[in-house]
């Protein structure tokens, strides 16, 4: 399956999800996430789920991580459309967010974390294959960002759907994730 075909197919599948199924799937993803034998995490970057795009509820996962370590430093991405880059912005509990031109909420703060300091990155995706290659919305923000994290940083995708066998048009810029959490199981790549 090509990235373009996967993008179209999985956007249609997500659009067809009903709210009660999605809520149950979010709970099942949290249960699967809780089974991970994660190291002690000090700095995590998550993503701000977009409800109208029916993305996995990332807030359940970050709440769990805060429960494990109340001193956890949590960052969210902020895009720079001028050069298609992305920064990790450290947020406080009362941090303000503003919607960007893509309809994604981004933190307004200015405390940037060096990507090498992150212990884990939660990664949104539309599709993933059995080798850990993800398909996003096609701008490459996460691919460029993940190239900047340390080798020790866990890259964890979350998806309502199981992996496809293979994304056929990956290239050297498509970095595989380490794990993907679905309602049914955790995939390790």
C-alpha atoms as a PDB file:
ATOM      1  CA  UNK A   1       0.000   0.000   0.000  1.00  0.00           C
ATOM      2  CA  UNK A   2       1.340   3.447  -0.875  1.00  0.00           C
ATOM      3  CA  UNK A   3       1.333   6.343   1.585  1.00  0.00           C
ATOM      4  CA  UNK A   4      -1.298   8.132  -0.483  1.00  0.00           C
ATOM      5  CA  UNK A   5      -3.583   5.076  -0.563  1.00  0.00           C
ATOM      6  CA  UNK A   6      -3.063   4.451   3.168  1.00  0.00           C
ATOM      7  CA  UNK A   7      -3.778   8.092   3.978  1.00  0.00           C
ATOM      8  CA  UNK A   8      -7.051   8.038   2.021  1.00  0.00           C
ATOM      9  CA  UNK A   9      -8.142   4.624   3.343  1.00  0.00           C
ATOM     10  CA  UNK A  10      -7.470   5.344   7.010  1.00  0.00           C
ATOM     11  CA  UNK A  11      -8.944   8.847   6.962  1.00  0.00           C
ATOM     12  CA  UNK A  12     -12.141   7.262   5.614  1.00  0.00           C
ATOM     13  CA  UNK A  13     -12.016   4.537   8.287  1.00  0.00           C
ATOM     14  CA  UNK A  14     -11.525   7.092  11.063  1.00  0.00           C
ATOM     15  CA  UNK A  15     -14.296   9.302   9.713  1.00  0.00           C
ATOM     16  CA  UNK A  16     -16.658   6.311   9.915  1.00  0.00           C
ATOM     17  CA  UNK A  17     -15.945   5.609  13.601  1.00  0.00           C
ATOM     18  CA  UNK A  18     -18.812   6.157  15.964  1.00  0.00           C
ATOM     19  CA  UNK A  19     -18.197   7.994  19.217  1.00  0.00           C
ATOM     20  CA  UNK A  20     -18.999   5.111  21.574  1.00  0.00           C
ATOM     21  CA  UNK A  21     -16.602   2.773  19.725  1.00  0.00           C
ATOM     22  CA  UNK A  22     -13.912   5.448  19.804  1.00  0.00           C
ATOM     23  CA  UNK A  23     -14.301   5.953  23.573  1.00  0.00           C
ATOM     24  CA  UNK A  24     -13.977   2.194  24.166  1.00  0.00           C
ATOM     25  CA  UNK A  25     -10.968   2.005  21.839  1.00  0.00           C
ATOM     26  CA  UNK A  26      -9.294   4.898  23.701  1.00  0.00           C
ATOM     27  CA  UNK A  27      -9.754   2.987  26.976  1.00  0.00           C
ATOM     28  CA  UNK A  28      -8.327  -0.192  25.425  1.00  0.00           C
ATOM     29  CA  UNK A  29      -5.327   1.733  24.085  1.00  0.00           C
ATOM     30  CA  UNK A  30      -4.735   3.108  27.589  1.00  0.00           C
ATOM     31  CA  UNK A  31      -4.885  -0.428  29.026  1.00  0.00           C
ATOM     32  CA  UNK A  32      -2.372  -1.641  26.431  1.00  0.00           C
ATOM     33  CA  UNK A  33      -0.171   1.414  27.101  1.00  0.00           C
ATOM     34  CA  UNK A  34      -0.187   0.642  30.830  1.00  0.00           C
ATOM     35  CA  UNK A  35       1.301  -2.800  30.109  1.00  0.00           C
ATOM     36  CA  UNK A  36       4.459  -1.288  28.608  1.00  0.00           C
ATOM     37  CA  UNK A  37       7.560  -1.751  30.713  1.00  0.00           C
ATOM     38  CA  UNK A  38       8.620   1.840  30.346  1.00  0.00           C
ATOM     39  CA  UNK A  39      11.754   3.183  31.982  1.00  0.00           C
ATOM     40  CA  UNK A  40      11.492   6.126  34.351  1.00  0.00           C
ATOM     41  CA  UNK A  41      10.455   9.011  32.130  1.00  0.00           C
ATOM     42  CA  UNK A  42      11.381  12.600  32.900  1.00  0.00           C
ATOM     43  CA  UNK A  43      10.582  14.368  29.617  1.00  0.00           C
ATOM     44  CA  UNK A  44       7.850  13.363  27.176  1.00  0.00           C
ATOM     45  CA  UNK A  45       6.466  15.000  24.073  1.00  0.00           C
ATOM     46  CA  UNK A  46       2.848  14.208  23.310  1.00  0.00           C
ATOM     47  CA  UNK A  47       0.437  15.593  20.736  1.00  0.00           C
ATOM     48  CA  UNK A  48      -2.798  17.525  21.177  1.00  0.00           C
ATOM     49  CA  UNK A  49      -5.546  15.202  19.915  1.00  0.00           C
ATOM     50  CA  UNK A  50      -7.889  16.683  17.328  1.00  0.00           C
ATOM     51  CA  UNK A  51     -11.419  15.443  18.140  1.00  0.00           C
ATOM     52  CA  UNK A  52     -13.014  16.285  14.776  1.00  0.00           C
ATOM     53  CA  UNK A  53     -10.276  14.233  13.056  1.00  0.00           C
ATOM     54  CA  UNK A  54     -11.056  11.359  15.447  1.00  0.00           C
ATOM     55  CA  UNK A  55      -7.492  11.011  16.655  1.00  0.00           C
ATOM     56  CA  UNK A  56      -6.593   8.740  19.560  1.00  0.00           C
ATOM     57  CA  UNK A  57      -7.097  10.502  22.901  1.00  0.00           C
ATOM     58  CA  UNK A  58      -3.514  11.303  23.903  1.00  0.00           C
ATOM     59  CA  UNK A  59      -4.610  12.973  27.140  1.00  0.00           C
ATOM     60  CA  UNK A  60      -5.467   9.606  28.733  1.00  0.00           C
ATOM     61  CA  UNK A  61      -1.898   8.485  28.087  1.00  0.00           C
ATOM     62  CA  UNK A  62      -0.260  11.646  29.413  1.00  0.00           C
ATOM     63  CA  UNK A  63      -2.480  11.534  32.524  1.00  0.00           C
ATOM     64  CA  UNK A  64      -1.187   8.011  33.164  1.00  0.00           C
ATOM     65  CA  UNK A  65       2.417   9.139  32.654  1.00  0.00           C
ATOM     66  CA  UNK A  66       1.860  12.022  35.111  1.00  0.00           C
ATOM     67  CA  UNK A  67       0.451   9.529  37.609  1.00  0.00           C
ATOM     68  CA  UNK A  68       3.665   7.471  37.291  1.00  0.00           C
ATOM     69  CA  UNK A  69       5.841  10.562  37.708  1.00  0.00           C
ATOM     70  CA  UNK A  70       4.123  13.701  39.037  1.00  0.00           C
ATOM     71  CA  UNK A  71       7.275  15.702  38.187  1.00  0.00           C
ATOM     72  CA  UNK A  72       7.098  14.669  34.518  1.00  0.00           C
ATOM     73  CA  UNK A  73       7.994  17.446  32.090  1.00  0.00           C
ATOM     74  CA  UNK A  74       5.503  17.401  29.241  1.00  0.00           C
ATOM     75  CA  UNK A  75       6.024  19.059  25.881  1.00  0.00           C
ATOM     76  CA  UNK A  76       3.793  19.521  22.852  1.00  0.00           C
ATOM     77  CA  UNK A  77       4.805  20.216  19.276  1.00  0.00           C
ATOM     78  CA  UNK A  78       4.787  23.625  17.659  1.00  0.00           C
ATOM     79  CA  UNK A  79       5.207  23.778  13.897  1.00  0.00           C
ATOM     80  CA  UNK A  80       7.269  26.269  11.966  1.00  0.00           C
ATOM     81  CA  UNK A  81       5.619  26.378   8.541  1.00  0.00           C
ATOM     82  CA  UNK A  82       8.408  28.543   7.102  1.00  0.00           C
ATOM     83  CA  UNK A  83      10.855  25.627   7.145  1.00  0.00           C
ATOM     84  CA  UNK A  84       8.524  22.670   7.901  1.00  0.00           C
ATOM     85  CA  UNK A  85      10.254  22.057  11.234  1.00  0.00           C
ATOM     86  CA  UNK A  86       8.766  21.327  14.626  1.00  0.00           C
ATOM     87  CA  UNK A  87       9.833  22.231  18.154  1.00  0.00           C
ATOM     88  CA  UNK A  88       9.046  20.597  21.493  1.00  0.00           C
ATOM     89  CA  UNK A  89       7.536  23.254  23.776  1.00  0.00           C
ATOM     90  CA  UNK A  90       7.480  22.519  27.502  1.00  0.00           C
ATOM     91  CA  UNK A  91       4.041  23.193  28.983  1.00  0.00           C
ATOM     92  CA  UNK A  92       2.777  23.913  32.476  1.00  0.00           C
ATOM     93  CA  UNK A  93      -0.572  22.628  33.754  1.00  0.00           C
ATOM     94  CA  UNK A  94      -2.262  25.944  32.961  1.00  0.00           C
ATOM     95  CA  UNK A  95      -0.502  26.475  29.607  1.00  0.00           C
ATOM     96  CA  UNK A  96      -2.470  28.260  26.904  1.00  0.00           C
ATOM     97  CA  UNK A  97      -2.799  26.695  23.461  1.00  0.00           C
ATOM     98  CA  UNK A  98      -3.761  28.342  20.197  1.00  0.00           C
ATOM     99  CA  UNK A  99      -5.004  26.759  16.985  1.00  0.00           C
ATOM    100  CA  UNK A 100      -2.559  26.966  14.078  1.00  0.00           C
ATOM    101  CA  UNK A 101      -3.383  27.202  10.366  1.00  0.00           C
ATOM    102  CA  UNK A 102      -3.788  23.397  10.161  1.00  0.00           C
ATOM    103  CA  UNK A 103      -6.355  23.341  12.981  1.00  0.00           C
ATOM    104  CA  UNK A 104      -3.850  21.887  15.457  1.00  0.00           C
ATOM    105  CA  UNK A 105      -3.620  23.302  18.979  1.00  0.00           C
ATOM    106  CA  UNK A 106      -0.089  24.405  19.827  1.00  0.00           C
ATOM    107  CA  UNK A 107       1.376  25.774  23.072  1.00  0.00           C
ATOM    108  CA  UNK A 108       1.991  29.507  23.157  1.00  0.00           C
ATOM    109  CA  UNK A 109       4.886  29.283  25.634  1.00  0.00           C
ATOM    110  CA  UNK A 110       8.503  29.745  24.674  1.00  0.00           C
ATOM    111  CA  UNK A 111      10.319  27.137  26.790  1.00  0.00           C
ATOM    112  CA  UNK A 112      11.764  24.823  24.130  1.00  0.00           C
ATOM    113  CA  UNK A 113      13.171  21.407  24.961  1.00  0.00           C
ATOM    114  CA  UNK A 114      16.112  20.053  23.035  1.00  0.00           C
ATOM    115  CA  UNK A 115      14.831  16.939  21.202  1.00  0.00           C
ATOM    116  CA  UNK A 116      17.849  15.016  22.569  1.00  0.00           C
ATOM    117  CA  UNK A 117      16.472  15.530  26.093  1.00  0.00           C
ATOM    118  CA  UNK A 118      13.228  13.653  25.396  1.00  0.00           C
ATOM    119  CA  UNK A 119      12.735  10.174  26.843  1.00  0.00           C
ATOM    120  CA  UNK A 120       9.606   9.367  24.841  1.00  0.00           C
ATOM    121  CA  UNK A 121       7.627  10.883  21.973  1.00  0.00           C
ATOM    122  CA  UNK A 122       3.960   9.979  21.475  1.00  0.00           C
ATOM    123  CA  UNK A 123       3.364  10.114  17.747  1.00  0.00           C
ATOM    124  CA  UNK A 124       0.012  10.532  15.993  1.00  0.00           C
ATOM    125  CA  UNK A 125      -0.488   8.619  12.786  1.00  0.00           C
ATOM    126  CA  UNK A 126      -3.011   7.633  10.162  1.00  0.00           C
ATOM    127  CA  UNK A 127      -1.450   4.251   9.358  1.00  0.00           C
ATOM    128  CA  UNK A 128       1.584   2.169  10.213  1.00  0.00           C
ATOM    129  CA  UNK A 129       3.148  -0.886   8.642  1.00  0.00           C
ATOM    130  CA  UNK A 130       4.651  -3.991  10.244  1.00  0.00           C
ATOM    131  CA  UNK A 131       8.133  -2.457  10.034  1.00  0.00           C
ATOM    132  CA  UNK A 132       7.092   0.593  12.087  1.00  0.00           C
ATOM    133  CA  UNK A 133       6.878   3.089   9.219  1.00  0.00           C
ATOM    134  CA  UNK A 134       4.078   5.545   9.864  1.00  0.00           C
ATOM    135  CA  UNK A 135       1.897   7.538   7.541  1.00  0.00           C
ATOM    136  CA  UNK A 136       0.848  10.975   8.734  1.00  0.00           C
ATOM    137  CA  UNK A 137      -0.796  13.835   6.893  1.00  0.00           C
ATOM    138  CA  UNK A 138       2.113  14.135   4.472  1.00  0.00           C
ATOM    139  CA  UNK A 139       4.070  17.233   5.486  1.00  0.00           C
ATOM    140  CA  UNK A 140       6.973  15.379   7.128  1.00  0.00           C
ATOM    141  CA  UNK A 141       7.023  17.351  10.395  1.00  0.00           C
ATOM    142  CA  UNK A 142       7.368  14.270  12.586  1.00  0.00           C
ATOM    143  CA  UNK A 143       9.918  12.610  10.289  1.00  0.00           C
ATOM    144  CA  UNK A 144      12.183  15.646  10.547  1.00  0.00           C
ATOM    145  CA  UNK A 145      11.616  15.978  14.293  1.00  0.00           C
ATOM    146  CA  UNK A 146      12.238  12.306  15.090  1.00  0.00           C
ATOM    147  CA  UNK A 147      15.549  12.482  13.224  1.00  0.00           C
ATOM    148  CA  UNK A 148      16.672  14.918  15.960  1.00  0.00           C
ATOM    149  CA  UNK A 149      15.851  12.812  19.055  1.00  0.00           C
ATOM    150  CA  UNK A 150      18.437  10.603  20.749  1.00  0.00           C
ATOM    151  CA  UNK A 151      18.719   6.911  19.947  1.00  0.00           C
ATOM    152  CA  UNK A 152      17.479   6.174  23.485  1.00  0.00           C
ATOM    153  CA  UNK A 153      14.233   8.095  23.019  1.00  0.00           C
ATOM    154  CA  UNK A 154      11.218   5.795  22.620  1.00  0.00           C
ATOM    155  CA  UNK A 155       9.079   6.657  19.617  1.00  0.00           C
ATOM    156  CA  UNK A 156       5.568   5.381  20.316  1.00  0.00           C
ATOM    157  CA  UNK A 157       2.707   5.572  17.852  1.00  0.00           C
ATOM    158  CA  UNK A 158      -0.951   5.156  18.748  1.00  0.00           C
ATOM    159  CA  UNK A 159      -3.591   3.901  16.355  1.00  0.00           C
ATOM    160  CA  UNK A 160      -7.144   2.591  16.346  1.00  0.00           C
ATOM    161  CA  UNK A 161      -6.173   0.211  13.547  1.00  0.00           C
ATOM    162  CA  UNK A 162      -3.777  -2.676  13.131  1.00  0.00           C
ATOM    163  CA  UNK A 163      -0.677  -2.235  10.957  1.00  0.00           C
ATOM    164  CA  UNK A 164      -0.820  -2.846   7.234  1.00  0.00           C
ATOM    165  CA  UNK A 165       1.662  -5.353   5.875  1.00  0.00           C
ATOM    166  CA  UNK A 166       3.899  -2.814   4.141  1.00  0.00           C
ATOM    167  CA  UNK A 167       4.000   0.813   3.063  1.00  0.00           C
ATOM    168  CA  UNK A 168       5.657   0.447  -0.323  1.00  0.00           C
ATOM    169  CA  UNK A 169       6.990   3.949  -0.922  1.00  0.00           C
ATOM    170  CA  UNK A 170       9.040   4.642   2.207  1.00  0.00           C
ATOM    171  CA  UNK A 171      12.423   6.303   1.852  1.00  0.00           C
ATOM    172  CA  UNK A 172      15.466   7.115   4.000  1.00  0.00           C
ATOM    173  CA  UNK A 173      13.575   9.969   5.696  1.00  0.00           C
ATOM    174  CA  UNK A 174      10.815   7.660   6.973  1.00  0.00           C
ATOM    175  CA  UNK A 175      12.158   6.664  10.367  1.00  0.00           C
ATOM    176  CA  UNK A 176      10.430   3.667  11.934  1.00  0.00           C
ATOM    177  CA  UNK A 177       8.792   3.963  15.323  1.00  0.00           C
ATOM    178  CA  UNK A 178       9.811   1.683  18.193  1.00  0.00           C
ATOM    179  CA  UNK A 179       6.291   0.727  19.239  1.00  0.00           C
ATOM    180  CA  UNK A 180       2.681   1.178  18.203  1.00  0.00           C
ATOM    181  CA  UNK A 181      -0.174   0.805  20.671  1.00  0.00           C
ATOM    182  CA  UNK A 182      -3.557  -0.292  19.313  1.00  0.00           C
ATOM    183  CA  UNK A 183      -6.712  -1.389  21.150  1.00  0.00           C
ATOM    184  CA  UNK A 184      -5.788  -5.036  20.534  1.00  0.00           C
ATOM    185  CA  UNK A 185      -2.059  -5.122  21.248  1.00  0.00           C
ATOM    186  CA  UNK A 186       1.319  -3.428  21.359  1.00  0.00           C
ATOM    187  CA  UNK A 187       3.497  -3.843  18.274  1.00  0.00           C
ATOM    188  CA  UNK A 188       7.264  -3.751  18.739  1.00  0.00           C
ATOM    189  CA  UNK A 189       9.413  -2.894  15.716  1.00  0.00           C
END
